[in-house]
Structures are given as structure tokens and as C-alpha cells.
Amino acid sequence: MLNIKGREIMQIDFHHGVTYVAARCAGFPHVDADIIAYAAQYVDDATSSGIVCFDNKAMYSRISSAHKSVDSRNLDDVENHLVWLPFHFLPGNESNDTDGFIEKIVCRPDSEIAREMLTAAVNDRGKPYGLHRLGIAMHIYADTWAHQGFAGVLHEINEVENAEELGNTKVFSGGLEKFLNGILDDALPPLGHARANVLPDMPFLVWKYDNDRQRGIERDNRELFCRAADAMCKTMRGYRQNDPRATAEGIGPDDAGKIKDLFQRLTIADGNKRHRQWLAAIGKGNFSFGSATLSYAEDGKNSWKGQALGTSADLPVHTYRNTFLTSNWKLFHDALQQHRLTVLHDILPKYGICAA
């Protein structure tokens, strides 16, 4: 079933499953790869912001890295600058025109800005939140392939017309084009790739579309996502070597072939179902690093938030736990804030981009 909510997310099978595989292929042990992969996916699920108050009068301030599908903040230009732009549509700086702000913030794969963002993440290797920040960076780096050509703001550059699924998968046969080019076009604002819905985010899709500046833009997500996974592996090898500029190997041919096979074979519209297949493949030891048990909980007692606060619900006052300061949830939010500050205030201004 097509997700009509238009949330701007590359889906969980890649951000959690593939990120884990890439991390293990880069040499990380399971315990570290588990943190990296969880953090990569949690970027899409950390939708709450504000102050967390504790019963001992302690407080913790957190920010959100995503908005829910139906959220008035998606219509707020400042919120878009603070969330979609640094966490999902990293500017590619393709235009040299200092006055062309929109052209400069269009997302581009493996851009110079993306590489500088990765260098900053590698340089935080010794911090308590180092792995969490690496996971966040892997999410954003992968998105530069999936979200290329779109900008994380409300603008006509994000218009999508004549969207069409190509190839022989035809997951949305019988009405996708009419839906995207009719009802959806009127229902969703031109924010990111909202008007393309899930087409940029599904690893198995081959598709094409027109925008307000170019016709017949074709995308083979299978090839793009394979390139993203390989580049992520190279970056994570560099992280382990503590050298962001190291010339590192990517994913080996056997593992790369298995990743591509799963992309091509799992032609299922539901990302959660594809994710379960990825976890099953990892559990069976299909990859060179052997069998591993992997899971992800967005909320509930087994989630990072539930483990840190005792509940994943937002309460007026939480019971303070002595383990809070070293919890994965707190370290993730530390990394989230460091990432946003670095991107918006240190990196983008070097390229003449002023964002929030």
C-alpha cells in the first residue's frame, strides 16, 4: 500500500539493515555496528524536542531530527532549515552563484559538503557519542544519494510531474502515476521529495519524473543505493583508522553482490517487511562477517528512549536514573546537537550558505 503521508525518509531496510552490514564490512564488531545502525535509523524517528524534566530537578534539552508525516512544523521555514536541511537534504553547493540560495542547497550525492561533514564526524571519534555521531552521519550521507535533486525547503524546485515507475517490478501498477500527478500533487507542499512520495526511498525502484527545470530525469535506486553502501563502508573504515582522508576499500565483491541481490529481490512496498528480510539474512549469516542477531525498537521498553527514561512516552516529569548520562538515547541526542551546530554554523557558511 502506498504511503500517502509523504514523509521524507529513506526507509528502515537501508538505514538500519544496510548500515549495519556496511559497518560490519568495514571491520566494526557487532556491538559497535549495532549502535551505528540504530543511530542511523533513529534520525528518522527522533521527532520529539524540548526539555526533559527529572524528579531530582535535573533537566536535559533535546532537539528533533525529523517531523512526523502530519506536522505543522513542515510548513515552517525555520523548522525546515533546522531539521530537513541538516539531517535529510544536505546542501550540495552545486551552484557557484552566491545569490542562488536554492540552487546551492539542492542535495547532491557525495558532495564536498558531505565529505566535510564526514570529516567532522570522524574527528569526534574519541567523544562518548562518537559512534552515535557516525551513525547520524551515515544516515545523512546515504540520503545524499536517495534525495539528490531535491531541497529541504518549501520551493517550486521540488515539483514532481509525470512520475512513472520503470522496469518490471510494477509495485504500484494500476494507479501510481495518476495518484502522484493528481491527488498527491494538490495535497502535499513542495517540501523535499514529498511530491515524489516514496519513489526516491525504495531500494528496488527504477523510475523517472519531470521537475520545473528538467524533463525525463531517470533514477535507478538499485545502483544509487549500492554506491551509497560502498561509500559508507569506505568512510567507516577511515573512521576506524582515525583518518577521514584515508584511501579505504569499500564492500567486497561477494557482500556487494548479496546487497544488490536483496535490493533487486525484495520488491515489497512495505519497508518494514523488507527490513525483516534484511534482519533474517543477517541472522542466517549470509554475509562475510557471519551470523548476528539484530533488532530495532523505535519506542517501547526496548528502545533507546525506553532504556534511558524508563518509558518512551513524554512525561511531565521522569524518574532520574544514574545511567542516564551514559545511555545511548542521551548520547544520540548529544551527537544530534553537535552535528547540527557543526553543519549549520561551521560548514555551510564556508560555502556561502546561510541556514537558520
Protein backbone atom coordinates (compact mmCIF):
# COMPACT_ATOMS: atom_id res chain seq x y z
CA MET A 1 0.00 0.00 0.00
CA LEU A 2 1.31 3.41 -0.91
CA ASN A 3 2.14 5.69 1.97
CA ILE A 4 0.16 8.84 1.20
CA LYS A 5 1.63 10.77 4.10
CA GLY A 6 4.71 11.72 2.13
CA ARG A 7 7.28 11.57 4.91
CA GLU A 8 10.76 12.47 3.68
CA ILE A 9 12.57 9.28 4.65
CA MET A 10 14.86 6.75 3.09
CA GLN A 11 13.42 3.60 4.58
CA ILE A 12 14.39 1.41 7.52
CA ASP A 13 15.69 -1.52 5.49
CA PHE A 14 18.55 0.68 4.27
CA HIS A 15 19.16 3.00 7.22
CA HIS A 16 19.21 0.16 9.75
CA GLY A 17 19.88 -3.07 7.86
CA VAL A 18 22.29 -1.91 5.17
CA THR A 19 24.10 0.47 7.51
CA TYR A 20 24.76 -2.45 9.85
CA VAL A 21 26.08 -4.59 7.00
CA ALA A 22 28.33 -1.76 5.76
CA ALA A 23 29.66 -1.19 9.28
CA ARG A 24 30.49 -4.88 9.75
CA CYS A 25 32.12 -4.99 6.31
CA ALA A 26 34.22 -2.01 7.45
CA GLY A 27 35.51 -4.07 10.36
CA PHE A 28 33.34 -2.89 13.25
CA PRO A 29 32.39 -5.56 15.81
CA HIS A 30 28.71 -6.27 16.33
CA VAL A 31 28.33 -4.13 19.45
CA ASP A 32 29.63 -1.02 17.68
CA ALA A 33 27.85 -1.69 14.38
CA ASP A 34 24.61 -2.13 16.33
CA ILE A 35 24.97 1.39 17.78
CA ILE A 36 25.88 2.91 14.41
CA ALA A 37 22.91 1.29 12.67
CA TYR A 38 20.43 2.16 15.42
CA ALA A 39 21.57 5.80 15.40
CA ALA A 40 21.31 5.92 11.61
CA GLN A 41 17.68 4.82 11.70
CA TYR A 42 16.76 6.83 14.79
CA VAL A 43 17.43 10.05 12.86
CA ASP A 44 14.06 9.38 11.21
CA ASP A 45 12.32 8.56 14.48
CA ALA A 46 13.57 11.28 16.84
CA THR A 47 10.56 13.54 16.30
CA SER A 48 10.22 15.00 19.83
CA SER A 49 12.06 18.06 21.05
CA GLY A 50 12.16 20.19 24.17
CA ILE A 51 13.13 19.81 27.80
CA VAL A 52 13.09 16.50 29.68
CA CYS A 53 12.49 17.17 33.38
CA PHE A 54 13.50 14.77 36.15
CA ASP A 55 12.21 14.26 39.66
CA ASN A 56 15.55 15.32 41.17
CA LYS A 57 15.29 18.70 39.34
CA ALA A 58 17.82 17.71 36.68
CA MET A 59 16.94 18.61 33.08
CA TYR A 60 18.02 17.63 29.59
CA SER A 61 17.34 19.60 26.40
CA ARG A 62 16.96 17.68 23.14
CA ILE A 63 16.24 18.53 19.53
CA SER A 64 14.34 16.60 16.87
CA SER A 65 15.90 15.33 13.65
CA ALA A 66 12.63 14.57 11.87
CA HIS A 67 8.99 15.56 11.87
CA LYS A 68 6.01 13.27 11.73
CA SER A 69 4.13 12.92 8.47
CA VAL A 70 1.35 15.25 9.51
CA ASP A 71 3.07 18.05 11.41
CA SER A 72 2.52 21.79 11.13
CA ARG A 73 6.28 22.29 11.56
CA ASN A 74 6.71 21.05 7.98
CA LEU A 75 5.18 24.36 6.86
CA ASP A 76 7.58 26.42 8.99
CA ASP A 77 10.61 27.66 7.04
CA VAL A 78 12.77 27.90 10.16
CA GLU A 79 11.94 24.33 11.20
CA ASN A 80 12.77 23.11 7.70
CA HIS A 81 16.17 24.79 7.94
CA LEU A 82 16.78 23.18 11.34
CA VAL A 83 15.55 19.66 10.51
CA TRP A 84 15.21 18.70 6.85
CA LEU A 85 18.21 20.64 5.60
CA PRO A 86 20.94 19.39 8.01
CA PHE A 87 19.57 15.88 8.59
CA HIS A 88 17.96 14.73 5.32
CA PHE A 89 18.72 17.08 2.42
CA LEU A 90 22.31 18.15 2.98
CA PRO A 91 23.10 21.02 0.58
CA GLY A 92 25.24 20.04 -2.39
CA ASN A 93 26.54 23.54 -3.26
CA GLU A 94 26.31 22.82 -6.99
CA SER A 95 25.80 26.46 -7.96
CA ASN A 96 28.64 28.98 -7.84
CA ASP A 97 26.14 31.83 -7.82
CA THR A 98 26.30 33.36 -4.35
CA ASP A 99 22.79 34.73 -4.83
CA GLY A 100 21.34 31.36 -5.87
CA PHE A 101 20.50 30.08 -2.40
CA ILE A 102 18.01 27.46 -3.58
CA GLU A 103 20.36 26.06 -6.19
CA LYS A 104 23.15 25.84 -3.61
CA ILE A 105 21.05 23.85 -1.12
CA VAL A 106 19.82 21.20 -3.56
CA CYS A 107 21.04 17.82 -2.27
CA ARG A 108 23.75 16.11 -4.35
CA PRO A 109 25.40 12.70 -3.81
CA ASP A 110 28.80 12.60 -2.15
CA SER A 111 29.21 16.36 -2.34
CA GLU A 112 32.17 18.31 -0.99
CA ILE A 113 29.95 19.45 1.87
CA ALA A 114 29.01 15.84 2.60
CA ARG A 115 32.66 14.86 2.79
CA GLU A 116 33.42 17.73 5.14
CA MET A 117 30.50 16.60 7.30
CA LEU A 118 32.03 13.11 7.40
CA THR A 119 35.44 14.50 8.34
CA ALA A 120 33.86 16.33 11.28
CA ALA A 121 32.20 13.10 12.41
CA VAL A 122 35.46 11.15 12.19
CA ASN A 123 37.22 13.88 14.18
CA ASP A 124 34.76 13.24 17.03
CA ARG A 125 35.89 9.62 17.21
CA GLY A 126 37.12 9.95 20.79
CA LYS A 127 33.93 11.51 22.16
CA PRO A 128 31.50 9.45 24.27
CA TYR A 129 28.96 9.92 21.46
CA GLY A 130 31.43 9.18 18.66
CA LEU A 131 29.68 6.09 17.30
CA HIS A 132 26.27 7.74 17.60
CA ARG A 133 27.51 10.70 15.58
CA LEU A 134 28.97 8.36 12.97
CA GLY A 135 25.57 6.68 12.66
CA ILE A 136 23.89 10.06 12.19
CA ALA A 137 26.45 10.96 9.53
CA MET A 138 25.84 7.65 7.74
CA HIS A 139 22.13 8.42 7.59
CA ILE A 140 22.73 11.82 6.04
CA TYR A 141 25.43 10.54 3.70
CA ALA A 142 23.10 7.82 2.38
CA ASP A 143 20.36 10.40 1.92
CA THR A 144 22.60 12.40 -0.42
CA TRP A 145 22.13 9.60 -2.95
CA ALA A 146 18.44 8.97 -2.31
CA HIS A 147 17.41 12.64 -2.03
CA GLN A 148 19.58 14.08 -4.79
CA GLY A 149 17.89 16.77 -6.83
CA PHE A 150 15.61 17.90 -4.00
CA ALA A 151 15.97 20.64 -1.38
CA GLY A 152 14.86 20.56 2.25
CA VAL A 153 12.71 23.67 1.99
CA LEU A 154 9.35 24.64 0.55
CA HIS A 155 10.10 25.63 -3.04
CA GLU A 156 8.96 25.00 -6.59
CA ILE A 157 12.29 23.32 -7.35
CA ASN A 158 10.79 20.29 -5.59
CA GLU A 159 7.88 19.98 -8.02
CA VAL A 160 7.42 16.46 -9.42
CA GLU A 161 5.40 15.82 -12.57
CA ASN A 162 4.79 12.75 -14.72
CA ALA A 163 6.32 10.36 -12.19
CA GLU A 164 6.49 6.86 -13.60
CA GLU A 165 7.78 3.54 -12.33
CA LEU A 166 10.04 1.81 -14.85
CA GLY A 167 11.29 -1.75 -15.17
CA ASN A 168 9.33 -4.88 -14.42
CA THR A 169 8.64 -4.52 -10.70
CA LYS A 170 5.42 -2.52 -11.08
CA VAL A 171 4.81 -2.45 -7.33
CA PHE A 172 2.41 0.43 -7.80
CA SER A 173 0.81 -0.81 -11.01
CA GLY A 174 -2.66 0.45 -11.72
CA GLY A 175 -2.59 3.99 -10.47
CA LEU A 176 0.67 5.38 -9.07
CA GLU A 177 1.16 7.89 -11.86
CA LYS A 178 -2.41 9.16 -11.55
CA PHE A 179 -2.09 9.35 -7.77
CA LEU A 180 1.23 11.19 -7.76
CA ASN A 181 0.36 13.55 -10.58
CA GLY A 182 -3.16 14.29 -9.43
CA ILE A 183 -4.39 13.94 -5.87
CA LEU A 184 -0.98 13.94 -4.22
CA ASP A 185 0.24 16.92 -6.22
CA ASP A 186 -2.55 19.01 -4.73
CA ALA A 187 -2.38 17.56 -1.22
CA LEU A 188 1.31 17.94 -0.38
CA PRO A 189 3.51 21.03 -0.36
CA PRO A 190 6.74 21.01 -2.42
CA LEU A 191 8.97 20.19 0.54
CA GLY A 192 11.90 17.88 -0.16
CA HIS A 193 10.66 14.97 -2.23
CA ALA A 194 7.16 14.95 -0.72
CA ARG A 195 5.55 15.12 -4.14
CA ALA A 196 7.56 12.11 -5.29
CA ASN A 197 6.37 10.30 -2.15
CA VAL A 198 8.31 7.06 -1.54
CA LEU A 199 9.83 6.71 -5.02
CA PRO A 200 13.31 8.05 -4.09
CA ASP A 201 13.46 5.88 -0.95
CA MET A 202 12.80 2.34 -2.15
CA PRO A 203 15.99 0.42 -2.97
CA PHE A 204 14.46 -1.68 -5.75
CA LEU A 205 12.78 1.02 -7.82
CA VAL A 206 13.69 2.36 -11.23
CA TRP A 207 11.66 5.46 -12.02
CA LYS A 208 11.56 8.77 -13.82
CA TYR A 209 9.97 12.19 -13.41
CA ASP A 210 9.96 15.79 -14.59
CA ASN A 211 10.51 18.86 -12.47
CA ASP A 212 10.15 22.56 -13.25
CA ARG A 213 13.63 22.71 -14.82
CA GLN A 214 14.29 19.34 -16.43
CA ARG A 215 12.32 16.59 -18.14
CA GLY A 216 12.89 12.85 -18.18
CA ILE A 217 15.02 12.55 -15.04
CA GLU A 218 15.68 8.83 -14.62
CA ARG A 219 16.76 7.19 -11.37
CA ASP A 220 17.86 3.62 -10.74
CA ASN A 221 17.68 3.36 -6.97
CA ARG A 222 19.37 -0.06 -7.02
CA GLU A 223 22.59 1.35 -8.43
CA LEU A 224 22.44 4.53 -6.36
CA PHE A 225 21.92 2.66 -3.10
CA CYS A 226 24.74 0.21 -3.89
CA ARG A 227 27.08 3.16 -4.43
CA ALA A 228 25.88 4.70 -1.16
CA ALA A 229 26.54 1.49 0.80
CA ASP A 230 30.04 1.15 -0.67
CA ALA A 231 30.90 4.78 0.09
CA MET A 232 29.61 4.37 3.64
CA CYS A 233 31.84 1.35 4.14
CA LYS A 234 34.88 3.32 2.94
CA THR A 235 34.07 6.14 5.35
CA MET A 236 33.65 3.77 8.26
CA ARG A 237 36.98 2.11 7.51
CA GLY A 238 38.53 5.58 7.60
CA TYR A 239 36.83 6.17 10.95
CA ARG A 240 38.39 3.02 12.37
CA GLN A 241 41.79 4.20 11.10
CA ASN A 242 41.14 7.63 12.62
CA ASP A 243 41.89 9.15 9.23
CA PRO A 244 38.93 10.68 7.36
CA ARG A 245 41.02 11.10 4.22
CA ALA A 246 42.40 7.57 4.18
CA THR A 247 42.07 5.65 0.92
CA ALA A 248 39.98 2.75 2.13
CA GLU A 249 38.42 -0.25 0.49
CA GLY A 250 34.70 -0.49 0.12
CA ILE A 251 32.46 -3.54 0.39
CA GLY A 252 33.98 -6.74 -1.03
CA PRO A 253 32.50 -8.20 -4.23
CA ASP A 254 30.73 -11.12 -2.53
CA ASP A 255 28.98 -8.94 0.04
CA ALA A 256 28.27 -6.25 -2.56
CA GLY A 257 26.61 -8.86 -4.76
CA LYS A 258 24.43 -10.04 -1.88
CA ILE A 259 23.37 -6.47 -1.09
CA LYS A 260 22.43 -5.82 -4.70
CA ASP A 261 20.57 -9.14 -4.89
CA LEU A 262 18.47 -8.21 -1.85
CA PHE A 263 17.72 -4.80 -3.37
CA GLN A 264 16.53 -6.44 -6.59
CA ARG A 265 14.68 -9.33 -4.98
CA LEU A 266 12.81 -7.57 -2.18
CA THR A 267 10.29 -5.75 -4.35
CA ILE A 268 7.89 -5.11 -1.47
CA ALA A 269 6.24 -1.74 -0.96
CA ASP A 270 6.25 -2.08 2.85
CA GLY A 271 9.68 -1.03 4.16
CA ASN A 272 9.16 -2.82 7.48
CA LYS A 273 8.62 -6.12 5.68
CA ARG A 274 11.80 -5.60 3.68
CA HIS A 275 13.60 -4.75 6.92
CA ARG A 276 12.57 -8.07 8.45
CA GLN A 277 14.04 -9.85 5.44
CA TRP A 278 17.33 -7.99 5.92
CA LEU A 279 17.44 -8.97 9.59
CA ALA A 280 16.73 -12.57 8.62
CA ALA A 281 19.59 -12.55 6.08
CA ILE A 282 21.94 -11.12 8.71
CA GLY A 283 20.77 -13.68 11.26
CA LYS A 284 21.40 -16.57 8.83
CA GLY A 285 24.98 -15.49 8.31
CA ASN A 286 24.56 -14.62 4.64
CA PHE A 287 27.34 -12.04 4.79
CA SER A 288 31.07 -12.50 5.25
CA PHE A 289 31.05 -11.38 8.89
CA GLY A 290 28.87 -14.31 9.94
CA SER A 291 25.60 -14.61 11.81
CA ALA A 292 24.38 -11.80 14.06
CA THR A 293 21.16 -11.05 15.91
CA LEU A 294 19.97 -7.53 15.19
CA SER A 295 16.83 -5.66 16.18
CA TYR A 296 15.44 -2.15 16.28
CA ALA A 297 12.76 -0.68 18.52
CA GLU A 298 11.54 2.83 17.73
CA ASP A 299 9.65 3.02 21.01
CA GLY A 300 8.68 0.88 23.97
CA LYS A 301 10.79 -0.50 26.81
CA ASN A 302 13.44 -1.94 24.48
CA SER A 303 14.01 1.34 22.65
CA TRP A 304 16.92 3.60 23.49
CA LYS A 305 14.48 6.12 24.91
CA GLY A 306 12.71 3.49 27.00
CA GLN A 307 16.01 2.24 28.38
CA ALA A 308 17.18 5.75 29.25
CA LEU A 309 13.96 7.12 30.76
CA GLY A 310 12.06 4.03 31.83
CA THR A 311 9.39 4.80 29.24
CA SER A 312 9.30 6.02 25.65
CA ALA A 313 6.38 8.31 26.46
CA ASP A 314 6.99 12.01 27.09
CA LEU A 315 6.00 12.61 30.71
CA PRO A 316 5.87 15.92 32.58
CA VAL A 317 8.48 14.52 35.00
CA HIS A 318 10.68 11.43 34.59
CA THR A 319 12.38 9.39 37.27
CA TYR A 320 16.10 10.12 37.09
CA ARG A 321 18.35 7.11 36.60
CA ASN A 322 22.06 7.12 37.38
CA THR A 323 22.69 5.51 33.99
CA PHE A 324 21.03 8.35 32.07
CA LEU A 325 24.22 10.28 31.28
CA THR A 326 25.79 7.27 29.57
CA SER A 327 22.61 5.99 27.92
CA ASN A 328 22.51 5.56 24.15
CA TRP A 329 19.49 7.86 23.93
CA LYS A 330 21.25 10.74 25.67
CA LEU A 331 24.46 10.22 23.71
CA PHE A 332 22.48 10.14 20.46
CA HIS A 333 20.88 13.48 21.27
CA ASP A 334 24.28 14.91 22.25
CA ALA A 335 25.57 13.86 18.83
CA LEU A 336 22.48 15.22 17.10
CA GLN A 337 23.04 18.67 18.56
CA GLN A 338 26.75 18.62 17.77
CA HIS A 339 26.04 17.61 14.18
CA ARG A 340 23.50 20.37 13.59
CA LEU A 341 25.72 23.03 15.11
CA THR A 342 28.69 21.90 13.00
CA VAL A 343 26.76 21.76 9.73
CA LEU A 344 24.77 24.98 10.07
CA HIS A 345 27.38 27.15 11.77
CA ASP A 346 30.78 25.78 10.76
CA ILE A 347 30.48 24.01 7.40
CA LEU A 348 27.73 25.69 5.36
CA PRO A 349 28.98 29.27 5.86
CA LYS A 350 32.27 28.28 4.19
CA TYR A 351 30.24 27.70 1.02
CA GLY A 352 28.24 30.92 1.27
CA ILE A 353 25.15 29.17 2.63
CA CYS A 354 23.32 30.85 5.49
CA ALA A 355 20.75 28.49 7.03
CA ALA A 356 18.82 29.23 10.25
